[in-house]
């Protein structure tokens, strides 16, 4: 087996970005369908709250803690013990995951009423809204077992430098949940899609979620076999590798999912704000996840196996150089997204969601949440790169302590902004953004202490250049909101879409034009990758 190259592959990052973009866009289509069919209603609030329970556990145990801990340990095992030892470890962990998550599923189904009182106490004791949320929670809870195994498979493939199919897997989740959910909802409820829809519609959507989770797991199996894995149940869990993964997972359960824990807390606060608030926050956060997934998750996914090998080999200089470059690249790609979402929130939300049961008032409220969430967008992306690096160094307690602090700060800010200042759901979104900024800042300072330096001077120089490029982007967006988009808002959907896309394209040209003029190094890597792709495409066409 050839030794993996210890550098960030912009080709791999680009591949993951495209795959995640496909998934996020389909996720957006999923939310569009649900918004059109159910709007920001009490039923949709109940569905979102019910899905939050297994979805939160997914981030706690699966795509956060388990994936990070497994990739770190599996990469070290390949480096120090060889391929066969690594696959034996994978069999032990897969068996343990299947058994443990099945038990968690059963417990979750049994304790669904208690979970809903924690996650959505504002729905009220004994209300129909609470009863529906409990029922849907029980239906969707097996999702956690499916997605945990899918995350483990993703970790195995990423550690072997296979990134495309794992990143595409969640695309199949969205396909399954849309097609299966809508089909079953229509079959179970004669009033599906009308304002008189019943619980059967929501049951159909919930079963569709399980169909999507199953697809997310099984589509990765062919790639897993190609890299040499053959599952054999192994209950010999008293193993140093398994023990190390569990030790890493404990702190990571909190540290890698601080944002999701804060979103859960926000959801509980939102449940006290009346019908619609839970839905507005969810629709806005879905849009936030688009750039986070395309850029932050993609760069973090490609960076983690590389820095894990560098840490295992004791090459600190290489470790910090790769980590610093990953963070700079995340900022280069998310700063324009931040400015664009803040300035164009209302036309974006309106174009995507405003139809049928999703009204202009819903657009206004969801756009307010999006603007406040966007304050922390760059920090979200940076955390996706920075937090897993602590586990590669064996400093698992550091992110955990920072996350404890961030959760406490978020709760306090929620109380202040939402109830004391009366900002409502906007205060919940704004506090989440501020907490992400605080979390990233603390992690950066602490990582700097661990590795002595993180090319901070180069980071500040890059941020200064990005500020100038961002000013150009902001100017284009401001001009469009003054003279172009208000006129287009009165026209048909096609004209509105054209005006918004033209604004985004002009703003992107302004940003990247100034950025290239200022010679930002990370953009050179991205443009080189694009030129290679275009060159290969031209050769194939010839």
Protein backbone atom coordinates (compact mmCIF):
# COMPACT_ATOMS: atom_id res chain seq x y z
CA UNK A 1 0.00 0.00 0.00
CA UNK A 2 1.45 3.35 -1.02
CA UNK A 3 2.04 5.82 1.74
CA UNK A 4 -0.50 8.62 1.75
CA UNK A 5 0.73 12.07 0.84
CA UNK A 6 0.84 14.38 3.86
CA UNK A 7 -0.61 17.53 2.40
CA UNK A 8 -4.05 18.98 1.85
CA UNK A 9 -5.28 17.90 -1.57
CA UNK A 10 -7.18 20.72 -3.22
CA UNK A 11 -8.43 18.14 -5.70
CA UNK A 12 -9.88 16.05 -2.86
CA UNK A 13 -11.27 19.16 -1.17
CA UNK A 14 -12.89 20.18 -4.47
CA UNK A 15 -14.39 16.71 -4.91
CA UNK A 16 -15.83 16.76 -1.39
CA UNK A 17 -17.10 20.30 -1.91
CA UNK A 18 -19.00 19.27 -5.04
CA UNK A 19 -20.42 16.19 -3.33
CA UNK A 20 -21.45 18.13 -0.23
CA UNK A 21 -22.88 20.90 -2.42
CA UNK A 22 -25.08 18.29 -4.10
CA UNK A 23 -26.22 17.04 -0.69
CA UNK A 24 -26.85 20.51 0.71
CA UNK A 25 -28.76 21.62 -2.38
CA UNK A 26 -30.96 18.55 -2.19
CA UNK A 27 -31.38 19.25 1.52
CA UNK A 28 -32.54 22.71 0.51
CA UNK A 29 -34.98 21.16 -1.97
CA UNK A 30 -36.24 18.96 0.88
CA UNK A 31 -36.88 22.04 3.00
CA UNK A 32 -38.53 23.81 0.04
CA UNK A 33 -40.93 20.92 -0.43
CA UNK A 34 -41.77 20.82 3.27
CA UNK A 35 -42.16 24.60 3.46
CA UNK A 36 -44.51 24.65 0.47
CA UNK A 37 -46.61 21.78 1.83
CA UNK A 38 -46.71 22.73 5.52
CA UNK A 39 -45.34 26.29 5.85
CA UNK A 40 -44.26 27.47 9.31
CA UNK A 41 -47.14 25.66 11.02
CA UNK A 42 -47.67 23.86 14.31
CA UNK A 43 -47.37 20.49 12.53
CA UNK A 44 -44.04 21.44 10.95
CA UNK A 45 -42.82 22.71 14.33
CA UNK A 46 -43.66 19.28 15.79
CA UNK A 47 -41.89 17.42 12.96
CA UNK A 48 -38.74 19.55 13.28
CA UNK A 49 -38.64 19.13 17.06
CA UNK A 50 -39.17 15.36 16.73
CA UNK A 51 -36.35 14.99 14.19
CA UNK A 52 -34.08 17.07 16.41
CA UNK A 53 -33.83 14.28 19.01
CA UNK A 54 -32.16 11.61 16.78
CA UNK A 55 -30.44 14.32 14.76
CA UNK A 56 -28.79 15.73 17.88
CA UNK A 57 -27.61 12.26 18.87
CA UNK A 58 -26.25 11.85 15.35
CA UNK A 59 -23.99 14.85 15.91
CA UNK A 60 -23.12 13.75 19.43
CA UNK A 61 -22.27 10.10 18.69
CA UNK A 62 -21.90 9.74 14.95
CA UNK A 63 -20.80 12.48 12.58
CA UNK A 64 -19.12 14.43 15.38
CA UNK A 65 -17.57 12.25 18.05
CA UNK A 66 -17.45 8.80 16.43
CA UNK A 67 -16.23 9.98 13.04
CA UNK A 68 -13.50 12.22 14.49
CA UNK A 69 -12.29 9.65 17.04
CA UNK A 70 -12.35 6.78 14.55
CA UNK A 71 -10.51 8.60 11.74
CA UNK A 72 -7.81 9.75 14.17
CA UNK A 73 -7.24 6.26 15.64
CA UNK A 74 -7.67 4.36 12.37
CA UNK A 75 -5.15 6.63 10.60
CA UNK A 76 -2.66 6.09 13.42
CA UNK A 77 -3.23 2.32 13.26
CA UNK A 78 -2.48 2.26 9.52
CA UNK A 79 0.73 4.25 10.14
CA UNK A 80 1.98 2.22 13.11
CA UNK A 81 0.39 -1.25 12.80
CA UNK A 82 -0.40 -1.82 9.14
CA UNK A 83 -3.53 -2.34 7.09
CA UNK A 84 -4.68 -5.67 8.56
CA UNK A 85 -4.52 -4.37 12.14
CA UNK A 86 -6.54 -1.32 11.07
CA UNK A 87 -9.28 -3.47 9.51
CA UNK A 88 -9.47 -5.66 12.61
CA UNK A 89 -10.02 -2.51 14.65
CA UNK A 90 -12.73 -1.43 12.18
CA UNK A 91 -14.62 -4.71 12.68
CA UNK A 92 -14.57 -4.32 16.45
CA UNK A 93 -15.81 -0.74 16.28
CA UNK A 94 -18.52 -1.56 13.71
CA UNK A 95 -19.86 -4.35 15.91
CA UNK A 96 -19.82 -2.17 19.01
CA UNK A 97 -21.54 0.69 17.16
CA UNK A 98 -24.34 -1.55 15.86
CA UNK A 99 -25.03 -3.02 19.31
CA UNK A 100 -24.79 0.24 21.25
CA UNK A 101 -26.84 2.35 18.84
CA UNK A 102 -29.56 -0.30 18.70
CA UNK A 103 -29.82 -0.05 22.49
CA UNK A 104 -29.87 3.77 22.29
CA UNK A 105 -32.70 3.53 19.76
CA UNK A 106 -34.82 1.39 22.08
CA UNK A 107 -34.20 3.72 25.01
CA UNK A 108 -35.03 6.76 22.88
CA UNK A 109 -38.34 5.26 21.77
CA UNK A 110 -39.26 4.46 25.36
CA UNK A 111 -38.28 7.92 26.66
CA UNK A 112 -39.69 9.98 23.76
CA UNK A 113 -42.14 11.93 25.99
CA UNK A 114 -39.36 12.95 28.37
CA UNK A 115 -37.11 13.94 25.46
CA UNK A 116 -39.78 16.18 23.99
CA UNK A 117 -40.28 17.90 27.32
CA UNK A 118 -36.55 18.69 27.30
CA UNK A 119 -36.36 19.75 23.65
CA UNK A 120 -39.72 21.52 23.25
CA UNK A 121 -41.23 22.23 26.65
CA UNK A 122 -43.06 25.22 25.19
CA UNK A 123 -45.39 22.93 23.20
CA UNK A 124 -47.25 22.38 26.47
CA UNK A 125 -48.17 19.38 28.58
CA UNK A 126 -50.99 17.26 27.12
CA UNK A 127 -51.42 19.34 23.94
CA UNK A 128 -51.98 17.83 20.49
CA UNK A 129 -48.77 19.45 19.28
CA UNK A 130 -46.77 17.67 22.00
CA UNK A 131 -48.53 14.33 21.34
CA UNK A 132 -47.70 14.52 17.62
CA UNK A 133 -44.07 15.40 18.39
CA UNK A 134 -43.75 12.37 20.70
CA UNK A 135 -45.24 10.03 18.08
CA UNK A 136 -42.94 11.31 15.32
CA UNK A 137 -39.91 11.05 17.63
CA UNK A 138 -40.61 7.35 18.19
CA UNK A 139 -40.94 6.72 14.46
CA UNK A 140 -37.69 8.51 13.57
CA UNK A 141 -35.45 7.35 16.41
CA UNK A 142 -33.96 4.35 14.49
CA UNK A 143 -32.37 7.01 12.25
CA UNK A 144 -29.58 7.39 14.82
CA UNK A 145 -28.47 3.75 14.41
CA UNK A 146 -28.48 3.98 10.62
CA UNK A 147 -26.59 7.25 10.42
CA UNK A 148 -24.05 6.19 13.07
CA UNK A 149 -23.06 3.19 10.97
CA UNK A 150 -23.00 5.44 7.88
CA UNK A 151 -20.64 7.84 9.68
CA UNK A 152 -18.36 4.96 10.67
CA UNK A 153 -18.19 3.74 7.08
CA UNK A 154 -17.44 7.32 5.99
CA UNK A 155 -14.57 7.42 8.50
CA UNK A 156 -13.07 4.20 7.12
CA UNK A 157 -13.21 5.50 3.57
CA UNK A 158 -11.84 8.95 4.43
CA UNK A 159 -8.92 7.39 6.30
CA UNK A 160 -8.11 5.52 3.06
CA UNK A 161 -8.31 8.81 1.12
CA UNK A 162 -11.68 7.96 -0.46
CA UNK A 163 -13.78 11.11 -0.16
CA UNK A 164 -16.28 11.29 -3.04
CA UNK A 165 -18.85 8.60 -2.19
CA UNK A 166 -18.87 9.28 1.57
CA UNK A 167 -19.57 12.94 0.85
CA UNK A 168 -22.28 11.96 -1.66
CA UNK A 169 -23.98 9.57 0.78
CA UNK A 170 -26.11 12.24 2.42
CA UNK A 171 -27.39 13.17 -1.05
CA UNK A 172 -29.11 9.79 -1.07
CA UNK A 173 -30.56 10.55 2.37
CA UNK A 174 -32.24 13.64 0.93
CA UNK A 175 -33.49 11.74 -2.12
CA UNK A 176 -34.95 8.98 0.04
CA UNK A 177 -36.55 11.35 2.53
CA UNK A 178 -38.10 13.53 -0.20
CA UNK A 179 -39.41 10.79 -2.50
CA UNK A 180 -40.27 8.30 0.24
CA UNK A 181 -41.68 10.91 2.62
CA UNK A 182 -43.91 12.67 0.08
CA UNK A 183 -45.13 9.38 -1.43
CA UNK A 184 -45.99 7.86 1.95
CA UNK A 185 -47.52 11.10 3.24
CA UNK A 186 -49.78 11.30 0.20
CA UNK A 187 -50.71 7.61 0.60
CA UNK A 188 -51.45 7.85 4.35
CA UNK A 189 -53.36 11.15 4.33
CA UNK A 190 -56.09 12.03 1.78
CA UNK A 191 -55.71 15.70 2.81
CA UNK A 192 -51.94 15.70 2.12
CA UNK A 193 -50.80 19.06 0.74
CA UNK A 194 -53.89 20.97 1.85
CA UNK A 195 -54.37 23.27 4.83
CA UNK A 196 -56.39 20.50 6.50
CA UNK A 197 -53.56 17.95 6.43
CA UNK A 198 -53.51 15.43 9.28
CA UNK A 199 -50.98 13.48 11.31
CA UNK A 200 -50.73 10.88 8.53
CA UNK A 201 -48.85 13.39 6.36
CA UNK A 202 -46.24 13.89 9.06
CA UNK A 203 -45.98 10.13 9.70
CA UNK A 204 -45.17 9.69 6.01
CA UNK A 205 -42.40 12.29 6.23
CA UNK A 206 -41.02 10.54 9.31
CA UNK A 207 -40.86 7.12 7.64
CA UNK A 208 -39.23 8.82 4.65
CA UNK A 209 -36.46 9.94 6.99
CA UNK A 210 -35.72 6.29 7.82
CA UNK A 211 -35.69 5.40 4.11
CA UNK A 212 -33.17 8.16 3.52
CA UNK A 213 -30.98 7.01 6.43
CA UNK A 214 -30.91 3.47 5.04
CA UNK A 215 -29.84 4.72 1.62
CA UNK A 216 -27.10 6.88 3.18
CA UNK A 217 -25.58 3.73 4.69
CA UNK A 218 -25.90 1.16 1.92
CA UNK A 219 -24.66 3.32 -0.99
CA UNK A 220 -21.20 3.36 0.63
CA UNK A 221 -20.86 -0.43 0.81
CA UNK A 222 -19.40 -0.95 -2.71
CA UNK A 223 -16.63 1.63 -2.09
CA UNK A 224 -15.90 0.01 1.28
CA UNK A 225 -15.40 -3.39 -0.32
CA UNK A 226 -13.10 -1.90 -2.95
CA UNK A 227 -10.72 -0.58 -0.27
CA UNK A 228 -10.52 -4.06 1.27
CA UNK A 229 -13.00 -4.12 4.16
CA UNK A 230 -15.10 -7.23 4.80
CA UNK A 231 -17.29 -7.06 7.86
CA UNK A 232 -16.96 -9.86 10.40
CA UNK A 233 -18.70 -9.42 13.76
CA UNK A 234 -16.06 -9.04 16.47
CA UNK A 235 -17.10 -8.73 20.10
CA UNK A 236 -13.52 -8.57 21.45
CA UNK A 237 -13.91 -4.97 22.60
CA UNK A 238 -11.17 -5.10 25.24
CA UNK A 239 -8.74 -3.67 22.71
CA UNK A 240 -6.35 -0.68 23.01
CA UNK A 241 -7.67 0.82 19.75
CA UNK A 242 -11.31 0.54 20.84
CA UNK A 243 -10.40 1.96 24.24
CA UNK A 244 -8.64 4.91 22.61
CA UNK A 245 -11.63 5.64 20.38
CA UNK A 246 -13.97 5.58 23.38
CA UNK A 247 -11.63 7.82 25.36
CA UNK A 248 -11.56 10.31 22.48
CA UNK A 249 -15.31 10.11 22.04
CA UNK A 250 -16.16 11.04 25.62
CA UNK A 251 -14.94 14.63 25.42
CA UNK A 252 -15.80 14.82 21.72
CA UNK A 253 -19.47 14.11 22.46
CA UNK A 254 -19.60 17.61 23.89
CA UNK A 255 -16.79 19.38 22.04
CA UNK A 256 -17.57 18.37 18.46
CA UNK A 257 -21.26 19.16 18.77
CA UNK A 258 -21.40 22.41 20.72
CA UNK A 259 -23.19 24.14 17.87
CA UNK A 260 -25.86 21.43 17.76
CA UNK A 261 -26.31 21.50 21.54
CA UNK A 262 -26.78 25.25 21.30
CA UNK A 263 -29.28 24.78 18.47
CA UNK A 264 -31.15 22.32 20.71
CA UNK A 265 -31.25 24.89 23.51
CA UNK A 266 -32.42 27.50 21.01
CA UNK A 267 -35.18 25.14 19.88
CA UNK A 268 -36.43 24.80 23.43
CA UNK A 269 -36.46 28.58 23.81
CA UNK A 270 -38.20 28.89 20.43
CA UNK A 271 -40.93 26.47 21.46
CA UNK A 272 -42.05 29.15 23.96
CA UNK A 273 -42.39 31.81 21.22
CA UNK A 274 -45.57 30.48 19.57
CA UNK A 275 -46.24 28.65 16.31
CA UNK A 276 -43.70 29.25 13.56
CA UNK A 277 -40.56 30.23 15.50
CA UNK A 278 -39.11 26.69 15.45
CA UNK A 279 -39.70 26.50 11.69
CA UNK A 280 -38.23 29.95 10.93
CA UNK A 281 -35.03 29.08 12.75
CA UNK A 282 -34.83 25.70 11.03
CA UNK A 283 -35.29 27.09 7.52
CA UNK A 284 -32.65 29.77 8.16
CA UNK A 285 -30.16 27.34 9.66
CA UNK A 286 -30.60 25.03 6.65
CA UNK A 287 -29.36 27.85 4.42
CA UNK A 288 -26.47 28.44 6.81
CA UNK A 289 -25.46 24.80 6.46
CA UNK A 290 -24.99 25.18 2.72
CA UNK A 291 -21.70 27.15 2.81
CA UNK A 292 -20.61 25.38 6.03
CA UNK A 293 -21.01 22.03 4.33
CA UNK A 294 -19.57 23.01 0.97
CA UNK A 295 -16.47 24.66 2.42
CA UNK A 296 -15.98 24.04 6.14
CA UNK A 297 -16.92 20.36 6.23
CA UNK A 298 -15.09 19.64 2.96
CA UNK A 299 -11.82 21.20 4.10
CA UNK A 300 -12.09 19.64 7.56
CA UNK A 301 -12.79 16.21 6.03
CA UNK A 302 -9.69 16.34 3.84
CA UNK A 303 -7.48 17.89 6.54
CA UNK A 304 -8.16 15.49 9.44
CA UNK A 305 -6.52 12.30 8.07
CA UNK A 306 -3.47 14.31 6.96
CA UNK A 307 -2.85 16.07 10.27
CA UNK A 308 -3.55 12.81 12.13
CA UNK A 309 -0.69 11.14 10.23
CA UNK A 310 1.56 14.14 10.86
CA UNK A 311 0.78 14.04 14.58
CA UNK A 312 1.36 10.26 14.72
CA UNK A 313 4.75 10.75 13.05
CA UNK A 314 5.66 13.57 15.47
CA UNK A 315 6.05 16.12 12.66
CA UNK A 316 4.82 19.27 14.45
CA UNK A 317 6.01 21.69 11.76
CA UNK A 318 4.03 19.89 9.09
CA UNK A 319 1.01 19.57 11.38
CA UNK A 320 0.71 23.30 12.09
CA UNK A 321 1.44 24.30 8.50
CA UNK A 322 -1.36 22.10 7.15
CA UNK A 323 -3.76 23.19 9.89
CA UNK A 324 -3.07 26.90 9.34
CA UNK A 325 -3.54 26.56 5.59
CA UNK A 326 -6.82 24.70 6.11
CA UNK A 327 -8.20 27.49 8.31
CA UNK A 328 -7.12 30.20 5.86
CA UNK A 329 -8.76 28.35 3.00
CA UNK A 330 -11.98 28.02 5.03
CA UNK A 331 -12.03 31.79 5.64
CA UNK A 332 -11.29 32.63 2.01
CA UNK A 333 -14.32 30.61 0.92
CA UNK A 334 -16.79 31.53 3.69
CA UNK A 335 -16.27 35.28 4.12
CA UNK A 336 -18.02 36.11 0.83
CA UNK A 337 -20.84 33.77 1.84
CA UNK A 338 -21.20 35.61 5.16
CA UNK A 339 -21.51 39.02 3.55
CA UNK A 340 -23.87 37.75 0.87
CA UNK A 341 -26.21 36.05 3.34
CA UNK A 342 -26.38 39.11 5.59
CA UNK A 343 -27.13 41.54 2.76
CA UNK A 344 -29.34 39.35 0.58
CA UNK A 345 -31.15 37.30 3.24
CA UNK A 346 -34.68 38.42 2.42
CA UNK A 347 -34.58 37.98 -1.38
CA UNK A 348 -32.83 34.59 -0.95
CA UNK A 349 -35.39 33.29 1.57
CA UNK A 350 -38.24 34.68 -0.51
CA UNK A 351 -37.05 33.07 -3.73
CA UNK A 352 -36.41 29.67 -2.16
CA UNK A 353 -39.31 29.26 0.25
CA UNK A 354 -42.10 31.80 -0.36
CA UNK A 355 -44.92 29.89 -2.04
CA UNK A 356 -48.16 28.15 -1.10
CA UNK A 357 -48.24 27.98 2.72
CA UNK A 358 -44.97 29.88 3.27
CA UNK A 359 -46.04 33.54 3.42
CA UNK A 360 -44.27 36.90 3.04
CA UNK A 361 -44.35 37.25 6.83
CA UNK A 362 -42.60 33.89 7.17
CA UNK A 363 -39.98 35.15 4.69
CA UNK A 364 -39.33 38.24 6.79
CA UNK A 365 -38.93 36.30 10.05
CA UNK A 366 -36.74 33.56 8.53
CA UNK A 367 -34.54 36.21 6.85
CA UNK A 368 -34.02 37.94 10.20
CA UNK A 369 -32.84 34.64 11.68
CA UNK A 370 -30.52 34.01 8.71
CA UNK A 371 -28.83 37.40 9.08
CA UNK A 372 -28.17 36.75 12.75
CA UNK A 373 -26.92 33.21 12.19
CA UNK A 374 -24.53 34.43 9.48
CA UNK A 375 -22.54 36.43 12.03
CA UNK A 376 -20.85 33.17 13.04
CA UNK A 377 -20.55 31.51 9.62
CA UNK A 378 -16.77 31.85 9.27
CA UNK A 379 -16.31 30.62 12.82
CA UNK A 380 -18.47 27.56 12.13
CA UNK A 381 -16.25 26.67 9.15
CA UNK A 382 -13.06 27.32 11.12
CA UNK A 383 -14.22 25.08 13.97
CA UNK A 384 -14.80 22.23 11.49
CA UNK A 385 -11.09 22.41 10.66
CA UNK A 386 -9.63 23.35 14.05
CA UNK A 387 -11.53 21.29 16.65
CA UNK A 388 -10.64 17.81 15.29
CA UNK A 389 -6.95 18.78 15.31
CA UNK A 390 -6.93 18.65 19.12
CA UNK A 391 -7.87 14.97 19.02
CA UNK A 392 -5.06 14.25 16.57
CA UNK A 393 -2.69 15.75 19.17
CA UNK A 394 -4.30 13.80 22.03
CA UNK A 395 -5.58 17.06 23.61
CA UNK A 396 -9.16 15.82 23.79
CA UNK A 397 -10.11 17.73 26.94
CA UNK A 398 -9.37 21.17 25.51
CA UNK A 399 -12.29 21.41 23.04
CA UNK A 400 -14.55 19.83 25.64
CA UNK A 401 -13.85 22.57 28.19
CA UNK A 402 -14.31 25.28 25.55
CA UNK A 403 -17.61 23.72 24.55
CA UNK A 404 -18.81 23.61 28.15
CA UNK A 405 -18.15 27.34 28.30
CA UNK A 406 -19.86 28.01 24.96
CA UNK A 407 -23.02 26.16 25.99
CA UNK A 408 -23.24 28.16 29.21
CA UNK A 409 -22.61 31.45 27.37
CA UNK A 410 -25.26 30.56 24.78
CA UNK A 411 -27.88 29.93 27.46
CA UNK A 412 -27.14 33.27 29.09
CA UNK A 413 -27.20 35.16 25.78
CA UNK A 414 -30.49 33.49 24.85
CA UNK A 415 -32.07 34.77 28.04
CA UNK A 416 -30.67 38.26 27.47
CA UNK A 417 -31.44 38.75 23.77
CA UNK A 418 -34.72 36.82 23.56
CA UNK A 419 -36.57 37.78 26.72
CA UNK A 420 -34.76 40.73 28.32
CA UNK A 421 -34.26 42.70 25.06
CA UNK A 422 -37.35 41.19 23.41
CA UNK A 423 -35.62 40.11 20.18
CA UNK A 424 -37.59 36.85 20.00
CA UNK A 425 -36.28 34.23 17.56
CA UNK A 426 -33.71 36.74 16.20
CA UNK A 427 -32.01 36.78 19.59
CA UNK A 428 -31.66 32.98 19.51
CA UNK A 429 -29.95 33.06 16.13
CA UNK A 430 -27.70 35.97 17.07
CA UNK A 431 -26.54 34.29 20.28
CA UNK A 432 -25.65 31.15 18.28
CA UNK A 433 -23.49 33.22 15.93
CA UNK A 434 -21.71 35.00 18.78
CA UNK A 435 -21.05 31.71 20.57
CA UNK A 436 -19.46 30.25 17.43
CA UNK A 437 -17.11 33.24 17.21
CA UNK A 438 -16.18 32.86 20.89
CA UNK A 439 -15.66 29.12 20.51
CA UNK A 440 -13.34 29.50 17.53
CA UNK A 441 -11.35 32.31 19.15
CA UNK A 442 -10.67 30.28 22.28
CA UNK A 443 -9.75 27.15 20.31
CA UNK A 444 -7.36 29.15 18.15
CA UNK A 445 -5.57 30.68 21.15
CA UNK A 446 -5.26 27.30 22.87
CA UNK A 447 -4.00 25.55 19.71
CA UNK A 448 -1.43 28.33 19.31
CA UNK A 449 -0.17 27.54 22.80
CA UNK A 450 0.09 23.83 22.01
CA UNK A 451 2.05 24.15 18.76
CA UNK A 452 3.80 27.49 19.53
CA UNK A 453 2.77 29.18 16.29
CA UNK A 454 0.01 28.95 13.66
CA UNK A 455 1.24 31.34 10.97
CA UNK A 456 -0.88 34.03 12.63
CA UNK A 457 0.83 36.88 10.78
CA UNK A 458 -0.05 35.28 7.45
CA UNK A 459 -3.59 34.66 8.72
CA UNK A 460 -4.03 38.34 9.64
CA UNK A 461 -2.62 39.45 6.29
CA UNK A 462 -5.09 37.17 4.52
CA UNK A 463 -8.00 38.51 6.60
CA UNK A 464 -6.99 42.10 5.81
CA UNK A 465 -7.03 41.34 2.09
CA UNK A 466 -10.35 39.55 2.44
CA UNK A 467 -11.80 42.62 4.15
CA UNK A 468 -11.01 44.71 1.09
CA UNK A 469 -12.43 42.09 -1.25
CA UNK A 470 -15.50 41.80 1.00
CA UNK A 471 -16.05 45.57 0.77
CA UNK A 472 -16.27 45.24 -3.02
CA UNK A 473 -18.76 42.40 -2.69
CA UNK A 474 -20.81 44.32 -0.14
CA UNK A 475 -20.97 47.37 -2.39
CA UNK A 476 -22.42 45.32 -5.25
CA UNK A 477 -24.99 43.69 -2.94
CA UNK A 478 -26.01 47.06 -1.45
CA UNK A 479 -26.48 48.60 -4.89
CA UNK A 480 -28.64 45.65 -5.97
CA UNK A 481 -30.84 45.89 -2.86
CA UNK A 482 -31.40 49.60 -3.58
CA UNK A 483 -32.14 49.60 -7.31
CA UNK A 484 -32.44 46.11 -8.80
CA UNK A 485 -34.00 43.60 -6.40
CA UNK A 486 -36.95 45.78 -5.20
CA UNK A 487 -38.11 46.17 -8.80
CA UNK A 488 -37.60 42.46 -9.56
CA UNK A 489 -39.58 41.51 -6.44
CA UNK A 490 -42.77 42.64 -8.18
CA UNK A 491 -42.11 40.44 -11.22
CA UNK A 492 -42.63 36.73 -11.96
CA UNK A 493 -40.47 34.04 -10.32
CA UNK A 494 -38.12 33.66 -13.30
CA UNK A 495 -37.29 37.39 -13.31
CA UNK A 496 -36.73 37.39 -9.53
CA UNK A 497 -34.41 34.39 -9.82
CA UNK A 498 -32.50 36.00 -12.68
CA UNK A 499 -32.02 39.28 -10.82
CA UNK A 500 -30.81 37.51 -7.67
CA UNK A 501 -28.45 35.20 -9.56
CA UNK A 502 -27.09 38.16 -11.53
CA UNK A 503 -26.47 40.02 -8.26
CA UNK A 504 -24.67 37.03 -6.74
CA UNK A 505 -22.58 36.56 -9.89
CA UNK A 506 -21.60 40.26 -10.01
CA UNK A 507 -20.75 40.24 -6.30
CA UNK A 508 -18.62 37.08 -6.74
CA UNK A 509 -16.75 38.65 -9.65
CA UNK A 510 -16.09 41.77 -7.56
CA UNK A 511 -14.87 39.74 -4.57
CA UNK A 512 -12.64 37.29 -6.39
CA UNK A 513 -11.38 39.94 -8.78
CA UNK A 514 -10.09 42.04 -5.87
CA UNK A 515 -8.86 38.90 -4.09
CA UNK A 516 -6.81 37.79 -7.10
CA UNK A 517 -5.45 41.31 -7.52
CA UNK A 518 -4.31 41.20 -3.88
CA UNK A 519 -2.62 37.81 -4.55
CA UNK A 520 -4.27 35.68 -1.85
CA UNK A 521 -2.28 32.45 -1.86
CA UNK A 522 -5.15 30.04 -1.13
CA UNK A 523 -7.09 31.24 -4.17
CA UNK A 524 -4.13 30.27 -6.34
CA UNK A 525 -4.56 26.65 -5.19
CA UNK A 526 -8.28 26.73 -5.96
CA UNK A 527 -7.82 28.35 -9.37
CA UNK A 528 -5.07 25.88 -10.27
CA UNK A 529 -7.44 23.00 -9.49
CA UNK A 530 -10.18 24.58 -11.64
CA UNK A 531 -7.74 25.10 -14.53
CA UNK A 532 -6.66 21.45 -14.33
CA UNK A 533 -10.29 20.32 -14.41
CA UNK A 534 -11.10 22.59 -17.36
CA UNK A 535 -7.95 21.45 -19.16
CA UNK A 536 -8.87 17.79 -18.77
CA UNK A 537 -12.41 18.52 -19.91
CA UNK A 538 -11.10 20.28 -23.03
CA UNK A 539 -8.80 17.35 -23.84
CA UNK A 540 -11.65 14.84 -23.50
CA UNK A 541 -13.86 17.02 -25.73
CA UNK A 542 -11.11 17.16 -28.36
